[in-house]
mmCIF file of all heavy atoms, coordinates in Angstrom:
data_MODEL
# 
_entry.id   MODEL 
# 
loop_
_atom_site.group_PDB 
_atom_site.id 
_atom_site.type_symbol 
_atom_site.label_atom_id 
_atom_site.label_alt_id 
_atom_site.label_comp_id 
_atom_site.label_asym_id 
_atom_site.label_entity_id 
_atom_site.label_seq_id 
_atom_site.pdbx_PDB_ins_code 
_atom_site.Cartn_x 
_atom_site.Cartn_y 
_atom_site.Cartn_z 
_atom_site.occupancy 
_atom_site.B_iso_or_equiv 
_atom_site.pdbx_formal_charge 
_atom_site.auth_seq_id 
_atom_site.auth_comp_id 
_atom_site.auth_asym_id 
_atom_site.auth_atom_id 
_atom_site.pdbx_PDB_model_num 
ATOM 1   N N   . SER A 1 1  ? 0.827  -1.250 0.018  1.00 0.00 ? 1  SER A N   1 
ATOM 2   C CA  . SER A 1 1  ? 0.027  -0.015 -0.038 1.00 0.00 ? 1  SER A CA  1 
ATOM 3   C C   . SER A 1 1  ? 0.890  1.222  -0.009 1.00 0.00 ? 1  SER A C   1 
ATOM 4   O O   . SER A 1 1  ? 2.017  1.330  0.589  1.00 0.00 ? 1  SER A O   1 
ATOM 5   C CB  . SER A 1 1  ? -0.910 0.016  1.252  1.00 0.00 ? 1  SER A CB  1 
ATOM 6   O OG  . SER A 1 1  ? -1.742 -1.076 1.212  1.00 0.00 ? 1  SER A OG  1 
ATOM 7   N N   . VAL A 1 2  ? 0.313  2.335  -0.645 1.00 0.00 ? 2  VAL A N   1 
ATOM 8   C CA  . VAL A 1 2  ? 1.010  3.643  -0.687 1.00 0.00 ? 2  VAL A CA  1 
ATOM 9   C C   . VAL A 1 2  ? 0.101  4.659  -0.093 1.00 0.00 ? 2  VAL A C   1 
ATOM 10  O O   . VAL A 1 2  ? -1.141 4.667  -0.417 1.00 0.00 ? 2  VAL A O   1 
ATOM 11  C CB  . VAL A 1 2  ? 1.373  3.966  -2.100 1.00 0.00 ? 2  VAL A CB  1 
ATOM 12  C CG1 . VAL A 1 2  ? 1.952  5.400  -2.196 1.00 0.00 ? 2  VAL A CG1 1 
ATOM 13  C CG2 . VAL A 1 2  ? 2.384  2.996  -2.702 1.00 0.00 ? 2  VAL A CG2 1 
ATOM 14  N N   . VAL A 1 3  ? 0.589  5.469  0.802  1.00 0.00 ? 3  VAL A N   1 
ATOM 15  C CA  . VAL A 1 3  ? -0.155 6.639  1.284  1.00 0.00 ? 3  VAL A CA  1 
ATOM 16  C C   . VAL A 1 3  ? 0.666  7.883  0.924  1.00 0.00 ? 3  VAL A C   1 
ATOM 17  O O   . VAL A 1 3  ? 1.859  7.840  0.658  1.00 0.00 ? 3  VAL A O   1 
ATOM 18  C CB  . VAL A 1 3  ? -0.314 6.590  2.784  1.00 0.00 ? 3  VAL A CB  1 
ATOM 19  C CG1 . VAL A 1 3  ? -1.166 5.398  3.155  1.00 0.00 ? 3  VAL A CG1 1 
ATOM 20  C CG2 . VAL A 1 3  ? 0.973  6.589  3.528  1.00 0.00 ? 3  VAL A CG2 1 
ATOM 21  N N   . PHE A 1 4  ? -0.037 8.979  0.854  1.00 0.00 ? 4  PHE A N   1 
ATOM 22  C CA  . PHE A 1 4  ? 0.602  10.242 0.454  1.00 0.00 ? 4  PHE A CA  1 
ATOM 23  C C   . PHE A 1 4  ? 0.685  11.230 1.617  1.00 0.00 ? 4  PHE A C   1 
ATOM 24  O O   . PHE A 1 4  ? -0.313 11.408 2.308  1.00 0.00 ? 4  PHE A O   1 
ATOM 25  C CB  . PHE A 1 4  ? -0.108 10.889 -0.719 1.00 0.00 ? 4  PHE A CB  1 
ATOM 26  C CG  . PHE A 1 4  ? -0.003 10.086 -1.993 1.00 0.00 ? 4  PHE A CG  1 
ATOM 27  C CD1 . PHE A 1 4  ? -1.093 9.396  -2.477 1.00 0.00 ? 4  PHE A CD1 1 
ATOM 28  C CD2 . PHE A 1 4  ? 1.200  9.927  -2.690 1.00 0.00 ? 4  PHE A CD2 1 
ATOM 29  C CE1 . PHE A 1 4  ? -1.027 8.666  -3.617 1.00 0.00 ? 4  PHE A CE1 1 
ATOM 30  C CE2 . PHE A 1 4  ? 1.249  9.243  -3.827 1.00 0.00 ? 4  PHE A CE2 1 
ATOM 31  C CZ  . PHE A 1 4  ? 0.138  8.583  -4.309 1.00 0.00 ? 4  PHE A CZ  1 
ATOM 32  N N   . PHE A 1 5  ? 1.831  11.915 1.769  1.00 0.00 ? 5  PHE A N   1 
ATOM 33  C CA  . PHE A 1 5  ? 1.956  12.994 2.750  1.00 0.00 ? 5  PHE A CA  1 
ATOM 34  C C   . PHE A 1 5  ? 2.499  14.137 1.949  1.00 0.00 ? 5  PHE A C   1 
ATOM 35  O O   . PHE A 1 5  ? 3.693  14.389 1.774  1.00 0.00 ? 5  PHE A O   1 
ATOM 36  C CB  . PHE A 1 5  ? 2.955  12.566 3.874  1.00 0.00 ? 5  PHE A CB  1 
ATOM 37  C CG  . PHE A 1 5  ? 3.236  13.642 4.845  1.00 0.00 ? 5  PHE A CG  1 
ATOM 38  C CD1 . PHE A 1 5  ? 2.229  14.449 5.304  1.00 0.00 ? 5  PHE A CD1 1 
ATOM 39  C CD2 . PHE A 1 5  ? 4.527  13.849 5.277  1.00 0.00 ? 5  PHE A CD2 1 
ATOM 40  C CE1 . PHE A 1 5  ? 2.546  15.502 6.223  1.00 0.00 ? 5  PHE A CE1 1 
ATOM 41  C CE2 . PHE A 1 5  ? 4.890  14.834 6.193  1.00 0.00 ? 5  PHE A CE2 1 
ATOM 42  C CZ  . PHE A 1 5  ? 3.863  15.674 6.691  1.00 0.00 ? 5  PHE A CZ  1 
ATOM 43  N N   . ARG A 1 6  ? 1.513  14.906 1.390  1.00 0.00 ? 6  ARG A N   1 
ATOM 44  C CA  . ARG A 1 6  ? 1.865  15.960 0.436  1.00 0.00 ? 6  ARG A CA  1 
ATOM 45  C C   . ARG A 1 6  ? 2.560  17.128 1.019  1.00 0.00 ? 6  ARG A C   1 
ATOM 46  O O   . ARG A 1 6  ? 3.157  17.983 0.306  1.00 0.00 ? 6  ARG A O   1 
ATOM 47  C CB  . ARG A 1 6  ? 0.580  16.343 -0.359 1.00 0.00 ? 6  ARG A CB  1 
ATOM 48  C CG  . ARG A 1 6  ? 0.009  15.160 -1.092 1.00 0.00 ? 6  ARG A CG  1 
ATOM 49  C CD  . ARG A 1 6  ? -1.135 15.580 -2.009 1.00 0.00 ? 6  ARG A CD  1 
ATOM 50  N NE  . ARG A 1 6  ? -1.767 14.362 -2.602 1.00 0.00 ? 6  ARG A NE  1 
ATOM 51  C CZ  . ARG A 1 6  ? -1.388 13.695 -3.656 1.00 0.00 ? 6  ARG A CZ  1 
ATOM 52  N NH1 . ARG A 1 6  ? -0.277 14.126 -4.253 1.00 0.00 ? 6  ARG A NH1 1 
ATOM 53  N NH2 . ARG A 1 6  ? -2.004 12.632 -4.054 1.00 0.00 ? 6  ARG A NH2 1 
ATOM 54  N N   . LYS A 1 7  ? 2.566  17.250 2.376  1.00 0.00 ? 7  LYS A N   1 
ATOM 55  C CA  . LYS A 1 7  ? 3.305  18.337 3.053  1.00 0.00 ? 7  LYS A CA  1 
ATOM 56  C C   . LYS A 1 7  ? 4.728  17.930 3.416  1.00 0.00 ? 7  LYS A C   1 
ATOM 57  O O   . LYS A 1 7  ? 5.379  18.703 4.097  1.00 0.00 ? 7  LYS A O   1 
ATOM 58  C CB  . LYS A 1 7  ? 2.527  18.710 4.292  1.00 0.00 ? 7  LYS A CB  1 
ATOM 59  C CG  . LYS A 1 7  ? 1.195  19.424 4.002  1.00 0.00 ? 7  LYS A CG  1 
ATOM 60  C CD  . LYS A 1 7  ? 0.497  19.971 5.265  1.00 0.00 ? 7  LYS A CD  1 
ATOM 61  C CE  . LYS A 1 7  ? -0.802 20.618 4.944  1.00 0.00 ? 7  LYS A CE  1 
ATOM 62  N NZ  . LYS A 1 7  ? -1.416 21.116 6.127  1.00 0.00 ? 7  LYS A NZ  1 
ATOM 63  N N   . MET A 1 8  ? 5.160  16.759 3.015  1.00 0.00 ? 8  MET A N   1 
ATOM 64  C CA  . MET A 1 8  ? 6.461  16.234 3.316  1.00 0.00 ? 8  MET A CA  1 
ATOM 65  C C   . MET A 1 8  ? 7.545  17.230 2.798  1.00 0.00 ? 8  MET A C   1 
ATOM 66  O O   . MET A 1 8  ? 7.522  17.634 1.680  1.00 0.00 ? 8  MET A O   1 
ATOM 67  C CB  . MET A 1 8  ? 6.714  14.848 2.706  1.00 0.00 ? 8  MET A CB  1 
ATOM 68  C CG  . MET A 1 8  ? 8.044  14.236 3.190  1.00 0.00 ? 8  MET A CG  1 
ATOM 69  S SD  . MET A 1 8  ? 8.503  12.714 2.285  1.00 0.00 ? 8  MET A SD  1 
ATOM 70  C CE  . MET A 1 8  ? 6.988  11.737 2.472  1.00 0.00 ? 8  MET A CE  1 
ATOM 71  N N   . VAL A 1 9  ? 8.464  17.536 3.682  1.00 0.00 ? 9  VAL A N   1 
ATOM 72  C CA  . VAL A 1 9  ? 9.561  18.488 3.312  1.00 0.00 ? 9  VAL A CA  1 
ATOM 73  C C   . VAL A 1 9  ? 10.883 17.939 3.908  1.00 0.00 ? 9  VAL A C   1 
ATOM 74  O O   . VAL A 1 9  ? 10.911 17.538 5.059  1.00 0.00 ? 9  VAL A O   1 
ATOM 75  C CB  . VAL A 1 9  ? 9.375  19.943 3.933  1.00 0.00 ? 9  VAL A CB  1 
ATOM 76  C CG1 . VAL A 1 9  ? 10.474 20.877 3.426  1.00 0.00 ? 9  VAL A CG1 1 
ATOM 77  C CG2 . VAL A 1 9  ? 7.995  20.452 3.514  1.00 0.00 ? 9  VAL A CG2 1 
ATOM 78  N N   . ASP A 1 10 ? 11.877 17.855 3.060  1.00 0.00 ? 10 ASP A N   1 
ATOM 79  C CA  . ASP A 1 10 ? 13.187 17.335 3.628  1.00 0.00 ? 10 ASP A CA  1 
ATOM 80  C C   . ASP A 1 10 ? 14.059 18.554 3.981  1.00 0.00 ? 10 ASP A C   1 
ATOM 81  O O   . ASP A 1 10 ? 13.931 19.661 3.359  1.00 0.00 ? 10 ASP A O   1 
ATOM 82  C CB  . ASP A 1 10 ? 13.895 16.394 2.626  1.00 0.00 ? 10 ASP A CB  1 
ATOM 83  C CG  . ASP A 1 10 ? 13.991 16.948 1.253  1.00 0.00 ? 10 ASP A CG  1 
ATOM 84  O OD1 . ASP A 1 10 ? 13.374 17.980 0.894  1.00 0.00 ? 10 ASP A OD1 1 
ATOM 85  O OD2 . ASP A 1 10 ? 14.696 16.328 0.396  1.00 0.00 ? 10 ASP A OD2 1 
ATOM 86  N N   . ILE A 1 11 ? 14.974 18.356 4.914  1.00 0.00 ? 11 ILE A N   1 
ATOM 87  C CA  . ILE A 1 11 ? 15.876 19.407 5.317  1.00 0.00 ? 11 ILE A CA  1 
ATOM 88  C C   . ILE A 1 11 ? 16.828 19.824 4.176  1.00 0.00 ? 11 ILE A C   1 
ATOM 89  O O   . ILE A 1 11 ? 17.245 18.898 3.401  1.00 0.00 ? 11 ILE A O   1 
ATOM 90  C CB  . ILE A 1 11 ? 16.758 18.826 6.498  1.00 0.00 ? 11 ILE A CB  1 
ATOM 91  C CG1 . ILE A 1 11 ? 15.861 18.570 7.707  1.00 0.00 ? 11 ILE A CG1 1 
ATOM 92  C CG2 . ILE A 1 11 ? 17.826 19.828 6.869  1.00 0.00 ? 11 ILE A CG2 1 
ATOM 93  C CD1 . ILE A 1 11 ? 15.254 19.772 8.333  1.00 0.00 ? 11 ILE A CD1 1 
ATOM 94  N N   . PRO A 1 12 ? 17.098 21.100 3.993  1.00 0.00 ? 12 PRO A N   1 
ATOM 95  C CA  . PRO A 1 12 ? 17.966 21.483 2.928  1.00 0.00 ? 12 PRO A CA  1 
ATOM 96  C C   . PRO A 1 12 ? 19.380 20.776 2.990  1.00 0.00 ? 12 PRO A C   1 
ATOM 97  O O   . PRO A 1 12 ? 19.970 20.769 4.110  1.00 0.00 ? 12 PRO A O   1 
ATOM 98  C CB  . PRO A 1 12 ? 18.194 22.939 3.109  1.00 0.00 ? 12 PRO A CB  1 
ATOM 99  C CG  . PRO A 1 12 ? 16.959 23.397 3.934  1.00 0.00 ? 12 PRO A CG  1 
ATOM 100 C CD  . PRO A 1 12 ? 16.573 22.212 4.767  1.00 0.00 ? 12 PRO A CD  1 
ATOM 101 N N   . TYR A 1 13 ? 19.826 20.228 1.942  1.00 0.00 ? 13 TYR A N   1 
ATOM 102 C CA  . TYR A 1 13 ? 21.045 19.466 1.948  1.00 0.00 ? 13 TYR A CA  1 
ATOM 103 C C   . TYR A 1 13 ? 22.087 20.242 1.187  1.00 0.00 ? 13 TYR A C   1 
ATOM 104 O O   . TYR A 1 13 ? 21.980 20.597 0.093  1.00 0.00 ? 13 TYR A O   1 
ATOM 105 C CB  . TYR A 1 13 ? 20.759 18.127 1.190  1.00 0.00 ? 13 TYR A CB  1 
ATOM 106 C CG  . TYR A 1 13 ? 21.951 17.204 1.056  1.00 0.00 ? 13 TYR A CG  1 
ATOM 107 C CD1 . TYR A 1 13 ? 22.774 16.896 2.107  1.00 0.00 ? 13 TYR A CD1 1 
ATOM 108 C CD2 . TYR A 1 13 ? 22.238 16.653 -0.196 1.00 0.00 ? 13 TYR A CD2 1 
ATOM 109 C CE1 . TYR A 1 13 ? 23.879 16.099 1.913  1.00 0.00 ? 13 TYR A CE1 1 
ATOM 110 C CE2 . TYR A 1 13 ? 23.303 15.798 -0.381 1.00 0.00 ? 13 TYR A CE2 1 
ATOM 111 C CZ  . TYR A 1 13 ? 24.162 15.540 0.649  1.00 0.00 ? 13 TYR A CZ  1 
ATOM 112 O OH  . TYR A 1 13 ? 25.197 14.734 0.449  1.00 0.00 ? 13 TYR A OH  1 
ATOM 113 N N   . ASN A 1 14 ? 23.271 20.384 1.919  1.00 0.00 ? 14 ASN A N   1 
ATOM 114 C CA  . ASN A 1 14 ? 24.409 21.141 1.365  1.00 0.00 ? 14 ASN A CA  1 
ATOM 115 C C   . ASN A 1 14 ? 24.047 22.527 0.888  1.00 0.00 ? 14 ASN A C   1 
ATOM 116 O O   . ASN A 1 14 ? 24.442 22.984 -0.172 1.00 0.00 ? 14 ASN A O   1 
ATOM 117 C CB  . ASN A 1 14 ? 24.992 20.340 0.164  1.00 0.00 ? 14 ASN A CB  1 
ATOM 118 C CG  . ASN A 1 14 ? 26.012 19.288 0.583  1.00 0.00 ? 14 ASN A CG  1 
ATOM 119 O OD1 . ASN A 1 14 ? 26.698 19.468 1.640  1.00 0.00 ? 14 ASN A OD1 1 
ATOM 120 N ND2 . ASN A 1 14 ? 26.148 18.235 -0.163 1.00 0.00 ? 14 ASN A ND2 1 
ATOM 121 N N   . LYS A 1 15 ? 23.247 23.172 1.696  1.00 0.00 ? 15 LYS A N   1 
ATOM 122 C CA  . LYS A 1 15 ? 22.807 24.552 1.436  1.00 0.00 ? 15 LYS A CA  1 
ATOM 123 C C   . LYS A 1 15 ? 23.230 25.467 2.539  1.00 0.00 ? 15 LYS A C   1 
ATOM 124 O O   . LYS A 1 15 ? 23.257 25.031 3.749  1.00 0.00 ? 15 LYS A O   1 
ATOM 125 C CB  . LYS A 1 15 ? 21.300 24.599 1.232  1.00 0.00 ? 15 LYS A CB  1 
ATOM 126 C CG  . LYS A 1 15 ? 20.719 23.753 0.182  1.00 0.00 ? 15 LYS A CG  1 
ATOM 127 C CD  . LYS A 1 15 ? 21.053 24.277 -1.260 1.00 0.00 ? 15 LYS A CD  1 
ATOM 128 C CE  . LYS A 1 15 ? 20.381 23.434 -2.301 1.00 0.00 ? 15 LYS A CE  1 
ATOM 129 N NZ  . LYS A 1 15 ? 20.709 23.866 -3.653 1.00 0.00 ? 15 LYS A NZ  1 
ATOM 130 N N   . ASN A 1 16 ? 23.521 26.731 2.188  1.00 0.00 ? 16 ASN A N   1 
ATOM 131 C CA  . ASN A 1 16 ? 23.845 27.698 3.212  1.00 0.00 ? 16 ASN A CA  1 
ATOM 132 C C   . ASN A 1 16 ? 22.638 27.881 4.073  1.00 0.00 ? 16 ASN A C   1 
ATOM 133 O O   . ASN A 1 16 ? 21.512 28.094 3.656  1.00 0.00 ? 16 ASN A O   1 
ATOM 134 C CB  . ASN A 1 16 ? 24.163 29.032 2.486  1.00 0.00 ? 16 ASN A CB  1 
ATOM 135 C CG  . ASN A 1 16 ? 24.627 30.129 3.444  1.00 0.00 ? 16 ASN A CG  1 
ATOM 136 O OD1 . ASN A 1 16 ? 24.020 30.358 4.486  1.00 0.00 ? 16 ASN A OD1 1 
ATOM 137 N ND2 . ASN A 1 16 ? 25.713 30.784 3.113  1.00 0.00 ? 16 ASN A ND2 1 
ATOM 138 N N   . LEU A 1 17 ? 22.879 27.895 5.432  1.00 0.00 ? 17 LEU A N   1 
ATOM 139 C CA  . LEU A 1 17 ? 21.763 28.010 6.419  1.00 0.00 ? 17 LEU A CA  1 
ATOM 140 C C   . LEU A 1 17 ? 20.971 29.291 6.192  1.00 0.00 ? 17 LEU A C   1 
ATOM 141 O O   . LEU A 1 17 ? 19.710 29.267 6.444  1.00 0.00 ? 17 LEU A O   1 
ATOM 142 C CB  . LEU A 1 17 ? 22.345 27.925 7.876  1.00 0.00 ? 17 LEU A CB  1 
ATOM 143 C CG  . LEU A 1 17 ? 21.356 28.142 8.983  1.00 0.00 ? 17 LEU A CG  1 
ATOM 144 C CD1 . LEU A 1 17 ? 20.315 27.097 8.915  1.00 0.00 ? 17 LEU A CD1 1 
ATOM 145 C CD2 . LEU A 1 17 ? 22.128 28.072 10.307 1.00 0.00 ? 17 LEU A CD2 1 
ATOM 146 N N   . TRP A 1 18 ? 21.636 30.373 5.835  1.00 0.00 ? 18 TRP A N   1 
ATOM 147 C CA  . TRP A 1 18 ? 21.017 31.674 5.824  1.00 0.00 ? 18 TRP A CA  1 
ATOM 148 C C   . TRP A 1 18 ? 20.448 32.040 4.455  1.00 0.00 ? 18 TRP A C   1 
ATOM 149 O O   . TRP A 1 18 ? 20.027 33.230 4.304  1.00 0.00 ? 18 TRP A O   1 
ATOM 150 C CB  . TRP A 1 18 ? 21.985 32.759 6.381  1.00 0.00 ? 18 TRP A CB  1 
ATOM 151 C CG  . TRP A 1 18 ? 22.516 32.391 7.733  1.00 0.00 ? 18 TRP A CG  1 
ATOM 152 C CD1 . TRP A 1 18 ? 23.762 32.024 8.052  1.00 0.00 ? 18 TRP A CD1 1 
ATOM 153 C CD2 . TRP A 1 18 ? 21.735 32.239 8.908  1.00 0.00 ? 18 TRP A CD2 1 
ATOM 154 N NE1 . TRP A 1 18 ? 23.908 31.768 9.381  1.00 0.00 ? 18 TRP A NE1 1 
ATOM 155 C CE2 . TRP A 1 18 ? 22.624 31.879 9.955  1.00 0.00 ? 18 TRP A CE2 1 
ATOM 156 C CE3 . TRP A 1 18 ? 20.370 32.439 9.319  1.00 0.00 ? 18 TRP A CE3 1 
ATOM 157 C CZ2 . TRP A 1 18 ? 22.211 31.673 11.277 1.00 0.00 ? 18 TRP A CZ2 1 
ATOM 158 C CZ3 . TRP A 1 18 ? 20.034 32.199 10.599 1.00 0.00 ? 18 TRP A CZ3 1 
ATOM 159 C CH2 . TRP A 1 18 ? 20.919 31.831 11.554 1.00 0.00 ? 18 TRP A CH2 1 
ATOM 160 N N   . SER A 1 19 ? 20.524 31.106 3.532  1.00 0.00 ? 19 SER A N   1 
ATOM 161 C CA  . SER A 1 19 ? 19.910 31.411 2.226  1.00 0.00 ? 19 SER A CA  1 
ATOM 162 C C   . SER A 1 19 ? 18.376 31.495 2.335  1.00 0.00 ? 19 SER A C   1 
ATOM 163 O O   . SER A 1 19 ? 17.772 30.881 3.265  1.00 0.00 ? 19 SER A O   1 
ATOM 164 C CB  . SER A 1 19 ? 20.307 30.409 1.187  1.00 0.00 ? 19 SER A CB  1 
ATOM 165 O OG  . SER A 1 19 ? 19.654 29.180 1.467  1.00 0.00 ? 19 SER A OG  1 
ATOM 166 N N   . ILE A 1 20 ? 17.753 32.201 1.465  1.00 0.00 ? 20 ILE A N   1 
ATOM 167 C CA  . ILE A 1 20 ? 16.287 32.287 1.508  1.00 0.00 ? 20 ILE A CA  1 
ATOM 168 C C   . ILE A 1 20 ? 15.666 30.926 1.336  1.00 0.00 ? 20 ILE A C   1 
ATOM 169 O O   . ILE A 1 20 ? 14.672 30.560 2.020  1.00 0.00 ? 20 ILE A O   1 
ATOM 170 C CB  . ILE A 1 20 ? 15.801 33.299 0.423  1.00 0.00 ? 20 ILE A CB  1 
ATOM 171 C CG1 . ILE A 1 20 ? 16.211 34.728 0.730  1.00 0.00 ? 20 ILE A CG1 1 
ATOM 172 C CG2 . ILE A 1 20 ? 14.279 33.264 0.300  1.00 0.00 ? 20 ILE A CG2 1 
ATOM 173 C CD1 . ILE A 1 20 ? 15.911 35.717 -0.338 1.00 0.00 ? 20 ILE A CD1 1 
ATOM 174 N N   . TYR A 1 21 ? 16.268 30.097 0.430  1.00 0.00 ? 21 TYR A N   1 
ATOM 175 C CA  . TYR A 1 21 ? 15.701 28.750 0.212  1.00 0.00 ? 21 TYR A CA  1 
ATOM 176 C C   . TYR A 1 21 ? 15.715 27.954 1.477  1.00 0.00 ? 21 TYR A C   1 
ATOM 177 O O   . TYR A 1 21 ? 14.712 27.327 1.843  1.00 0.00 ? 21 TYR A O   1 
ATOM 178 C CB  . TYR A 1 21 ? 16.545 28.076 -0.884 1.00 0.00 ? 21 TYR A CB  1 
ATOM 179 C CG  . TYR A 1 21 ? 16.141 26.614 -1.088 1.00 0.00 ? 21 TYR A CG  1 
ATOM 180 C CD1 . TYR A 1 21 ? 15.050 26.264 -1.787 1.00 0.00 ? 21 TYR A CD1 1 
ATOM 181 C CD2 . TYR A 1 21 ? 16.935 25.632 -0.461 1.00 0.00 ? 21 TYR A CD2 1 
ATOM 182 C CE1 . TYR A 1 21 ? 14.706 24.902 -1.895 1.00 0.00 ? 21 TYR A CE1 1 
ATOM 183 C CE2 . TYR A 1 21 ? 16.588 24.308 -0.617 1.00 0.00 ? 21 TYR A CE2 1 
ATOM 184 C CZ  . TYR A 1 21 ? 15.503 23.925 -1.337 1.00 0.00 ? 21 TYR A CZ  1 
ATOM 185 O OH  . TYR A 1 21 ? 15.163 22.607 -1.482 1.00 0.00 ? 21 TYR A OH  1 
ATOM 186 N N   . SER A 1 22 ? 16.911 27.939 2.190  1.00 0.00 ? 22 SER A N   1 
ATOM 187 C CA  . SER A 1 22 ? 17.004 27.133 3.400  1.00 0.00 ? 22 SER A CA  1 
ATOM 188 C C   . SER A 1 22 ? 16.062 27.597 4.452  1.00 0.00 ? 22 SER A C   1 
ATOM 189 O O   . SER A 1 22 ? 15.398 26.783 5.137  1.00 0.00 ? 22 SER A O   1 
ATOM 190 C CB  . SER A 1 22 ? 18.496 27.250 3.992  1.00 0.00 ? 22 SER A CB  1 
ATOM 191 O OG  . SER A 1 22 ? 19.334 26.626 3.083  1.00 0.00 ? 22 SER A OG  1 
ATOM 192 N N   . LEU A 1 23 ? 15.922 28.941 4.673  1.00 0.00 ? 23 LEU A N   1 
ATOM 193 C CA  . LEU A 1 23 ? 15.015 29.436 5.679  1.00 0.00 ? 23 LEU A CA  1 
ATOM 194 C C   . LEU A 1 23 ? 13.575 29.079 5.420  1.00 0.00 ? 23 LEU A C   1 
ATOM 195 O O   . LEU A 1 23 ? 12.810 28.671 6.296  1.00 0.00 ? 23 LEU A O   1 
ATOM 196 C CB  . LEU A 1 23 ? 15.225 30.939 5.782  1.00 0.00 ? 23 LEU A CB  1 
ATOM 197 C CG  . LEU A 1 23 ? 16.591 31.429 6.319  1.00 0.00 ? 23 LEU A CG  1 
ATOM 198 C CD1 . LEU A 1 23 ? 16.691 32.931 6.260  1.00 0.00 ? 23 LEU A CD1 1 
ATOM 199 C CD2 . LEU A 1 23 ? 16.767 31.028 7.739  1.00 0.00 ? 23 LEU A CD2 1 
ATOM 200 N N   . LEU A 1 24 ? 13.199 29.092 4.146  1.00 0.00 ? 24 LEU A N   1 
ATOM 201 C CA  . LEU A 1 24 ? 11.825 28.727 3.753  1.00 0.00 ? 24 LEU A CA  1 
ATOM 202 C C   . LEU A 1 24 ? 11.604 27.246 3.986  1.00 0.00 ? 24 LEU A C   1 
ATOM 203 O O   . LEU A 1 24 ? 10.545 26.842 4.427  1.00 0.00 ? 24 LEU A O   1 
ATOM 204 C CB  . LEU A 1 24 ? 11.570 29.081 2.280  1.00 0.00 ? 24 LEU A CB  1 
ATOM 205 C CG  . LEU A 1 24 ? 11.270 30.572 1.981  1.00 0.00 ? 24 LEU A CG  1 
ATOM 206 C CD1 . LEU A 1 24 ? 11.280 30.793 0.455  1.00 0.00 ? 24 LEU A CD1 1 
ATOM 207 C CD2 . LEU A 1 24 ? 10.001 31.062 2.587  1.00 0.00 ? 24 LEU A CD2 1 
ATOM 208 N N   . GLN A 1 25 ? 12.600 26.407 3.680  1.00 0.00 ? 25 GLN A N   1 
ATOM 209 C CA  . GLN A 1 25 ? 12.482 24.984 3.854  1.00 0.00 ? 25 GLN A CA  1 
ATOM 210 C C   . GLN A 1 25 ? 12.289 24.627 5.328  1.00 0.00 ? 25 GLN A C   1 
ATOM 211 O O   . GLN A 1 25 ? 11.454 23.795 5.743  1.00 0.00 ? 25 GLN A O   1 
ATOM 212 C CB  . GLN A 1 25 ? 13.694 24.247 3.279  1.00 0.00 ? 25 GLN A CB  1 
ATOM 213 C CG  . GLN A 1 25 ? 13.731 24.131 1.784  1.00 0.00 ? 25 GLN A CG  1 
ATOM 214 C CD  . GLN A 1 25 ? 12.608 23.276 1.265  1.00 0.00 ? 25 GLN A CD  1 
ATOM 215 O OE1 . GLN A 1 25 ? 11.572 23.764 0.769  1.00 0.00 ? 25 GLN A OE1 1 
ATOM 216 N NE2 . GLN A 1 25 ? 12.803 21.965 1.249  1.00 0.00 ? 25 GLN A NE2 1 
ATOM 217 N N   . TYR A 1 26 ? 13.118 25.278 6.155  1.00 0.00 ? 26 TYR A N   1 
ATOM 218 C CA  . TYR A 1 26 ? 12.976 25.018 7.634  1.00 0.00 ? 26 TYR A CA  1 
ATOM 219 C C   . TYR A 1 26 ? 11.638 25.472 8.172  1.00 0.00 ? 26 TYR A C   1 
ATOM 220 O O   . TYR A 1 26 ? 11.008 24.800 9.007  1.00 0.00 ? 26 TYR A O   1 
ATOM 221 C CB  . TYR A 1 26 ? 14.088 25.633 8.400  1.00 0.00 ? 26 TYR A CB  1 
ATOM 222 C CG  . TYR A 1 26 ? 15.466 24.912 8.400  1.00 0.00 ? 26 TYR A CG  1 
ATOM 223 C CD1 . TYR A 1 26 ? 16.468 25.362 7.591  1.00 0.00 ? 26 TYR A CD1 1 
ATOM 224 C CD2 . TYR A 1 26 ? 15.554 23.726 9.109  1.00 0.00 ? 26 TYR A CD2 1 
ATOM 225 C CE1 . TYR A 1 26 ? 17.678 24.648 7.625  1.00 0.00 ? 26 TYR A CE1 1 
ATOM 226 C CE2 . TYR A 1 26 ? 16.790 23.052 9.095  1.00 0.00 ? 26 TYR A CE2 1 
ATOM 227 C CZ  . TYR A 1 26 ? 17.801 23.471 8.324  1.00 0.00 ? 26 TYR A CZ  1 
ATOM 228 O OH  . TYR A 1 26 ? 18.952 22.728 8.281  1.00 0.00 ? 26 TYR A OH  1 
ATOM 229 N N   . PHE A 1 27 ? 11.106 26.552 7.617  1.00 0.00 ? 27 PHE A N   1 
ATOM 230 C CA  . PHE A 1 27 ? 9.799  26.970 8.038  1.00 0.00 ? 27 PHE A CA  1 
ATOM 231 C C   . PHE A 1 27 ? 8.721  25.968 7.569  1.00 0.00 ? 27 PHE A C   1 
ATOM 232 O O   . PHE A 1 27 ? 7.810  25.641 8.364  1.00 0.00 ? 27 PHE A O   1 
ATOM 233 C CB  . PHE A 1 27 ? 9.483  28.349 7.357  1.00 0.00 ? 27 PHE A CB  1 
ATOM 234 C CG  . PHE A 1 27 ? 8.128  28.914 7.637  1.00 0.00 ? 27 PHE A CG  1 
ATOM 235 C CD1 . PHE A 1 27 ? 7.769  29.421 8.900  1.00 0.00 ? 27 PHE A CD1 1 
ATOM 236 C CD2 . PHE A 1 27 ? 7.163  28.928 6.699  1.00 0.00 ? 27 PHE A CD2 1 
ATOM 237 C CE1 . PHE A 1 27 ? 6.507  29.879 9.200  1.00 0.00 ? 27 PHE A CE1 1 
ATOM 238 C CE2 . PHE A 1 27 ? 5.884  29.442 6.905  1.00 0.00 ? 27 PHE A CE2 1 
ATOM 239 C CZ  . PHE A 1 27 ? 5.562  29.863 8.181  1.00 0.00 ? 27 PHE A CZ  1 
ATOM 240 N N   . LYS A 1 28 ? 8.817  25.457 6.342  1.00 0.00 ? 28 LYS A N   1 
ATOM 241 C CA  . LYS A 1 28 ? 7.883  24.477 5.821  1.00 0.00 ? 28 LYS A CA  1 
ATOM 242 C C   . LYS A 1 28 ? 7.982  23.173 6.651  1.00 0.00 ? 28 LYS A C   1 
ATOM 243 O O   . LYS A 1 28 ? 6.965  22.513 6.942  1.00 0.00 ? 28 LYS A O   1 
ATOM 244 C CB  . LYS A 1 28 ? 8.179  24.126 4.352  1.00 0.00 ? 28 LYS A CB  1 
ATOM 245 C CG  . LYS A 1 28 ? 7.812  25.276 3.411  1.00 0.00 ? 28 LYS A CG  1 
ATOM 246 C CD  . LYS A 1 28 ? 8.198  24.867 1.995  1.00 0.00 ? 28 LYS A CD  1 
ATOM 247 C CE  . LYS A 1 28 ? 7.974  25.952 1.015  1.00 0.00 ? 28 LYS A CE  1 
ATOM 248 N NZ  . LYS A 1 28 ? 8.401  25.610 -0.353 1.00 0.00 ? 28 LYS A NZ  1 
# 
C-alpha cells in the first residue's frame, strides 16, 4: 500500500543555512 503525505519536506542538503531557500524549507 501507498499513502501520500503531500506536506512532506526534507531538510536542505548542502545549502547555506542563511539562504532564503534554506530558511523557507525549515519554516515548511
